[in-house]
Amino acid sequence: MSRNLATSLKRRSRGRPFDLFDRLPPELRAWLAGAALPWSPRSISRIWPRLLREERGNITAALARLDLAEQRMLAKDCPKIWGDCYPSPATPPRSPAISRRVFASGMRA
């Protein structure tokens, strides 16, 4: 695919997103791989140091805050996307303590 090479504007380099993902701490990569929302490695790498600083280096607490932020974003967006009846009231809330590993069957542990 050809690009507009006649422009005098400088191209913005975005780098390689997989390299940025690979530089994230292992706990954060695991969280990101199991996240419900499509977080970008760039955005999460900006948020992570602030969360760690606010939680005084406690990784578990920082990951719990990411879970809470994701749940709030989903709670805000779900009614707009699927209507007020989703999720059904019988659905128990997901605990942040639940492991984020995904098994081959697609079920979360």
N, C-alpha and C. Protein backbone atom coordinates (compact mmCIF):
# COMPACT_ATOMS: atom_id res chain seq x y z
N MET A 1 0.84 -1.17 0.00
CA MET A 1 0.00 0.00 0.00
C MET A 1 0.90 1.24 0.00
N SER A 2 0.70 2.11 -0.96
CA SER A 2 1.55 3.29 -1.05
C SER A 2 1.04 4.38 -0.12
N ARG A 3 1.94 5.19 0.34
CA ARG A 3 1.59 6.30 1.22
C ARG A 3 1.75 7.60 0.44
N ASN A 4 1.23 8.64 0.98
CA ASN A 4 1.35 9.94 0.35
C ASN A 4 2.77 10.45 0.58
N LEU A 5 3.62 10.21 -0.39
CA LEU A 5 5.03 10.57 -0.24
C LEU A 5 5.31 12.01 -0.62
N ALA A 6 4.31 12.71 -1.15
CA ALA A 6 4.51 14.08 -1.60
C ALA A 6 4.37 15.09 -0.47
N THR A 7 3.98 14.65 0.71
CA THR A 7 3.77 15.58 1.81
C THR A 7 5.09 16.00 2.44
N SER A 8 5.10 17.21 2.96
CA SER A 8 6.29 17.70 3.66
C SER A 8 6.18 17.50 5.17
N LEU A 9 5.02 16.96 5.60
CA LEU A 9 4.81 16.73 7.03
C LEU A 9 5.66 15.55 7.50
N LYS A 10 6.14 15.67 8.71
CA LYS A 10 6.92 14.58 9.29
C LYS A 10 5.97 13.47 9.72
N ARG A 11 6.41 12.25 9.54
CA ARG A 11 5.62 11.11 9.99
C ARG A 11 5.82 10.92 11.48
N ARG A 12 4.76 10.58 12.13
CA ARG A 12 4.85 10.32 13.56
C ARG A 12 5.18 8.85 13.76
N SER A 13 6.25 8.59 14.42
CA SER A 13 6.64 7.22 14.68
C SER A 13 5.89 6.70 15.90
N ARG A 14 5.23 5.60 15.74
CA ARG A 14 4.50 5.00 16.86
C ARG A 14 5.26 3.86 17.50
N GLY A 15 6.39 3.52 16.94
CA GLY A 15 7.15 2.43 17.50
C GLY A 15 6.49 1.10 17.21
N ARG A 16 6.93 0.10 17.89
CA ARG A 16 6.36 -1.23 17.71
C ARG A 16 5.59 -1.59 18.97
N PRO A 17 4.26 -1.69 18.89
CA PRO A 17 3.45 -1.91 20.10
C PRO A 17 3.78 -3.20 20.83
N PHE A 18 4.21 -4.23 20.11
CA PHE A 18 4.54 -5.48 20.80
C PHE A 18 5.80 -5.32 21.65
N ASP A 19 6.72 -4.48 21.21
CA ASP A 19 7.91 -4.22 22.02
C ASP A 19 7.52 -3.54 23.33
N LEU A 20 6.59 -2.60 23.27
CA LEU A 20 6.13 -1.92 24.47
C LEU A 20 5.43 -2.91 25.40
N PHE A 21 4.62 -3.80 24.84
CA PHE A 21 3.95 -4.83 25.63
C PHE A 21 4.99 -5.72 26.31
N ASP A 22 6.02 -6.11 25.58
CA ASP A 22 7.05 -6.99 26.13
C ASP A 22 7.85 -6.33 27.25
N ARG A 23 7.93 -5.01 27.28
CA ARG A 23 8.67 -4.30 28.33
C ARG A 23 7.84 -4.10 29.60
N LEU A 24 6.55 -4.40 29.56
CA LEU A 24 5.72 -4.26 30.76
C LEU A 24 6.09 -5.32 31.78
N PRO A 25 5.88 -5.05 33.07
CA PRO A 25 6.14 -6.07 34.09
C PRO A 25 5.25 -7.30 33.86
N PRO A 26 5.73 -8.48 34.22
CA PRO A 26 4.97 -9.72 33.97
C PRO A 26 3.56 -9.70 34.55
N GLU A 27 3.39 -9.14 35.76
CA GLU A 27 2.06 -9.11 36.37
C GLU A 27 1.11 -8.23 35.55
N LEU A 28 1.62 -7.14 35.04
CA LEU A 28 0.80 -6.22 34.25
C LEU A 28 0.48 -6.82 32.89
N ARG A 29 1.45 -7.55 32.29
CA ARG A 29 1.19 -8.22 31.02
C ARG A 29 0.09 -9.26 31.19
N ALA A 30 0.13 -10.01 32.29
CA ALA A 30 -0.90 -11.02 32.55
C ALA A 30 -2.26 -10.36 32.72
N TRP A 31 -2.30 -9.24 33.43
CA TRP A 31 -3.56 -8.52 33.63
C TRP A 31 -4.09 -8.02 32.29
N LEU A 32 -3.22 -7.44 31.51
CA LEU A 32 -3.60 -6.87 30.22
C LEU A 32 -4.10 -7.95 29.26
N ALA A 33 -3.48 -9.12 29.29
CA ALA A 33 -3.89 -10.22 28.40
C ALA A 33 -5.29 -10.72 28.74
N GLY A 34 -5.70 -10.59 30.01
CA GLY A 34 -7.02 -11.06 30.41
C GLY A 34 -8.05 -9.97 30.60
N ALA A 35 -7.69 -8.75 30.25
CA ALA A 35 -8.60 -7.61 30.46
C ALA A 35 -9.83 -7.72 29.56
N ALA A 36 -10.94 -7.22 30.06
CA ALA A 36 -12.19 -7.23 29.30
C ALA A 36 -12.23 -6.13 28.25
N LEU A 37 -11.52 -5.05 28.50
CA LEU A 37 -11.49 -3.93 27.56
C LEU A 37 -10.18 -3.93 26.79
N PRO A 38 -10.16 -3.33 25.62
CA PRO A 38 -8.94 -3.34 24.80
C PRO A 38 -7.94 -2.26 25.21
N TRP A 39 -7.32 -2.42 26.36
CA TRP A 39 -6.32 -1.47 26.83
C TRP A 39 -5.11 -1.55 25.90
N SER A 40 -4.51 -0.43 25.62
CA SER A 40 -3.28 -0.44 24.82
C SER A 40 -2.09 -0.49 25.76
N PRO A 41 -1.01 -1.13 25.33
CA PRO A 41 0.20 -1.14 26.18
C PRO A 41 0.69 0.27 26.47
N ARG A 42 0.49 1.18 25.54
CA ARG A 42 0.94 2.56 25.75
C ARG A 42 0.16 3.23 26.88
N SER A 43 -1.18 3.08 26.86
CA SER A 43 -1.97 3.73 27.90
C SER A 43 -1.73 3.11 29.27
N ILE A 44 -1.62 1.79 29.29
CA ILE A 44 -1.43 1.12 30.58
C ILE A 44 -0.04 1.41 31.14
N SER A 45 0.95 1.61 30.25
CA SER A 45 2.29 1.94 30.74
C SER A 45 2.36 3.34 31.32
N ARG A 46 1.42 4.20 30.95
CA ARG A 46 1.35 5.54 31.55
C ARG A 46 0.67 5.50 32.92
N ILE A 47 -0.33 4.65 33.06
CA ILE A 47 -1.12 4.58 34.30
C ILE A 47 -0.37 3.81 35.39
N TRP A 48 0.32 2.74 35.00
CA TRP A 48 0.93 1.82 35.96
C TRP A 48 1.87 2.48 36.96
N PRO A 49 2.82 3.31 36.55
CA PRO A 49 3.72 3.92 37.55
C PRO A 49 2.98 4.77 38.58
N ARG A 50 1.94 5.46 38.14
CA ARG A 50 1.17 6.29 39.08
C ARG A 50 0.44 5.41 40.09
N LEU A 51 -0.16 4.30 39.61
CA LEU A 51 -0.86 3.40 40.53
C LEU A 51 0.11 2.77 41.53
N LEU A 52 1.27 2.36 41.06
CA LEU A 52 2.26 1.78 41.97
C LEU A 52 2.71 2.80 43.02
N ARG A 53 2.90 4.03 42.59
CA ARG A 53 3.31 5.09 43.53
C ARG A 53 2.22 5.32 44.57
N GLU A 54 0.96 5.41 44.11
CA GLU A 54 -0.14 5.66 45.04
C GLU A 54 -0.37 4.49 45.98
N GLU A 55 -0.09 3.28 45.52
CA GLU A 55 -0.27 2.09 46.36
C GLU A 55 1.02 1.67 47.06
N ARG A 56 2.02 2.55 47.03
CA ARG A 56 3.31 2.34 47.71
C ARG A 56 3.99 1.03 47.30
N GLY A 57 3.93 0.74 45.99
CA GLY A 57 4.61 -0.43 45.46
C GLY A 57 3.87 -1.74 45.59
N ASN A 58 2.66 -1.72 46.13
CA ASN A 58 1.88 -2.94 46.30
C ASN A 58 1.24 -3.32 44.96
N ILE A 59 1.80 -4.33 44.31
CA ILE A 59 1.34 -4.74 42.98
C ILE A 59 -0.09 -5.26 43.02
N THR A 60 -0.43 -6.04 44.04
CA THR A 60 -1.78 -6.59 44.15
C THR A 60 -2.81 -5.47 44.26
N ALA A 61 -2.53 -4.46 45.06
CA ALA A 61 -3.45 -3.33 45.22
C ALA A 61 -3.57 -2.54 43.92
N ALA A 62 -2.46 -2.37 43.21
CA ALA A 62 -2.49 -1.64 41.93
C ALA A 62 -3.31 -2.40 40.90
N LEU A 63 -3.17 -3.72 40.85
CA LEU A 63 -3.97 -4.53 39.92
C LEU A 63 -5.45 -4.49 40.30
N ALA A 64 -5.74 -4.46 41.60
CA ALA A 64 -7.13 -4.35 42.05
C ALA A 64 -7.73 -3.01 41.61
N ARG A 65 -6.92 -1.95 41.64
CA ARG A 65 -7.40 -0.64 41.18
C ARG A 65 -7.65 -0.66 39.68
N LEU A 66 -6.83 -1.37 38.92
CA LEU A 66 -7.09 -1.51 37.48
C LEU A 66 -8.39 -2.27 37.25
N ASP A 67 -8.61 -3.33 38.04
CA ASP A 67 -9.88 -4.08 37.94
C ASP A 67 -11.07 -3.16 38.23
N LEU A 68 -10.94 -2.35 39.26
CA LEU A 68 -12.02 -1.44 39.62
C LEU A 68 -12.29 -0.42 38.52
N ALA A 69 -11.21 0.12 37.94
CA ALA A 69 -11.36 1.09 36.85
C ALA A 69 -12.05 0.44 35.66
N GLU A 70 -11.66 -0.79 35.35
CA GLU A 70 -12.27 -1.50 34.23
C GLU A 70 -13.75 -1.78 34.50
N GLN A 71 -14.07 -2.19 35.72
CA GLN A 71 -15.47 -2.46 36.08
C GLN A 71 -16.31 -1.19 35.98
N ARG A 72 -15.76 -0.07 36.41
CA ARG A 72 -16.49 1.20 36.32
C ARG A 72 -16.73 1.60 34.87
N MET A 73 -15.72 1.41 34.03
CA MET A 73 -15.89 1.75 32.61
C MET A 73 -16.93 0.85 31.96
N LEU A 74 -16.92 -0.43 32.31
CA LEU A 74 -17.92 -1.35 31.76
C LEU A 74 -19.32 -1.01 32.27
N ALA A 75 -19.43 -0.67 33.55
CA ALA A 75 -20.73 -0.31 34.11
C ALA A 75 -21.29 0.94 33.45
N LYS A 76 -20.41 1.84 33.06
CA LYS A 76 -20.86 3.05 32.40
C LYS A 76 -21.26 2.79 30.95
N ASP A 77 -20.51 1.93 30.26
CA ASP A 77 -20.75 1.71 28.84
C ASP A 77 -21.79 0.64 28.52
N CYS A 78 -21.95 -0.36 29.38
CA CYS A 78 -22.88 -1.46 29.09
C CYS A 78 -24.31 -1.00 28.82
N PRO A 79 -24.89 -0.12 29.64
CA PRO A 79 -26.26 0.31 29.34
C PRO A 79 -26.38 1.02 27.99
N LYS A 80 -25.35 1.75 27.60
CA LYS A 80 -25.39 2.43 26.30
C LYS A 80 -25.35 1.43 25.15
N ILE A 81 -24.62 0.34 25.34
CA ILE A 81 -24.43 -0.63 24.27
C ILE A 81 -25.55 -1.67 24.24
N TRP A 82 -25.86 -2.28 25.39
CA TRP A 82 -26.80 -3.39 25.42
C TRP A 82 -28.13 -3.07 26.08
N GLY A 83 -28.28 -1.90 26.63
CA GLY A 83 -29.53 -1.53 27.30
C GLY A 83 -29.43 -1.71 28.80
N ASP A 84 -30.45 -1.27 29.50
CA ASP A 84 -30.44 -1.27 30.97
C ASP A 84 -30.53 -2.66 31.59
N CYS A 85 -30.95 -3.66 30.83
CA CYS A 85 -31.15 -5.00 31.39
C CYS A 85 -29.88 -5.84 31.38
N TYR A 86 -28.76 -5.28 30.95
CA TYR A 86 -27.54 -6.08 30.88
C TYR A 86 -26.53 -5.54 31.87
N PRO A 87 -25.83 -6.31 32.61
CA PRO A 87 -26.07 -7.73 32.84
C PRO A 87 -27.26 -7.92 33.74
N SER A 88 -27.79 -9.12 33.74
CA SER A 88 -28.98 -9.38 34.54
C SER A 88 -28.63 -9.25 36.02
N PRO A 89 -29.60 -8.86 36.86
CA PRO A 89 -29.33 -8.69 38.29
C PRO A 89 -28.86 -9.97 38.97
N ALA A 90 -29.17 -11.14 38.38
CA ALA A 90 -28.78 -12.41 38.98
C ALA A 90 -27.29 -12.69 38.80
N THR A 91 -26.61 -11.94 37.93
CA THR A 91 -25.19 -12.15 37.69
C THR A 91 -24.38 -11.59 38.85
N PRO A 92 -23.62 -12.45 39.54
CA PRO A 92 -22.81 -11.94 40.66
C PRO A 92 -21.66 -11.09 40.13
N PRO A 93 -21.26 -10.06 40.88
CA PRO A 93 -20.12 -9.24 40.44
C PRO A 93 -18.84 -10.05 40.47
N ARG A 94 -17.93 -9.73 39.59
CA ARG A 94 -16.66 -10.43 39.50
C ARG A 94 -15.71 -9.90 40.56
N SER A 95 -15.08 -10.79 41.26
CA SER A 95 -14.15 -10.41 42.32
C SER A 95 -12.78 -10.14 41.72
N PRO A 96 -12.09 -9.07 42.16
CA PRO A 96 -10.75 -8.80 41.64
C PRO A 96 -9.74 -9.87 42.04
N ALA A 97 -10.09 -10.68 43.05
CA ALA A 97 -9.16 -11.70 43.51
C ALA A 97 -9.15 -12.92 42.59
N ILE A 98 -10.13 -13.01 41.70
CA ILE A 98 -10.19 -14.15 40.79
C ILE A 98 -9.00 -14.09 39.84
N SER A 99 -8.42 -15.24 39.60
CA SER A 99 -7.28 -15.30 38.70
C SER A 99 -7.70 -14.91 37.29
N ARG A 100 -6.81 -14.30 36.55
CA ARG A 100 -7.11 -13.83 35.20
C ARG A 100 -6.67 -14.84 34.14
N ARG A 101 -6.24 -16.02 34.54
CA ARG A 101 -5.80 -17.00 33.55
C ARG A 101 -7.00 -17.49 32.76
N VAL A 102 -6.80 -17.72 31.49
CA VAL A 102 -7.85 -18.23 30.62
C VAL A 102 -7.46 -19.64 30.21
N PHE A 103 -8.38 -20.58 30.43
CA PHE A 103 -8.12 -21.95 30.06
C PHE A 103 -8.45 -22.18 28.59
N ALA A 104 -8.05 -23.30 28.08
CA ALA A 104 -8.27 -23.62 26.66
C ALA A 104 -9.75 -23.62 26.32
N SER A 105 -10.60 -23.95 27.28
CA SER A 105 -12.04 -23.97 27.03
C SER A 105 -12.63 -22.58 26.96
N GLY A 106 -11.84 -21.56 27.31
CA GLY A 106 -12.31 -20.19 27.27
C GLY A 106 -12.88 -19.73 28.60
N MET A 107 -12.94 -20.60 29.58
CA MET A 107 -13.49 -20.22 30.89
C MET A 107 -12.38 -19.64 31.74
N ARG A 108 -12.74 -18.65 32.53
CA ARG A 108 -11.76 -18.05 33.44
C ARG A 108 -11.71 -18.85 34.73
N ALA A 109 -10.54 -18.90 35.30
CA ALA A 109 -10.37 -19.62 36.58
C ALA A 109 -10.81 -18.74 37.72
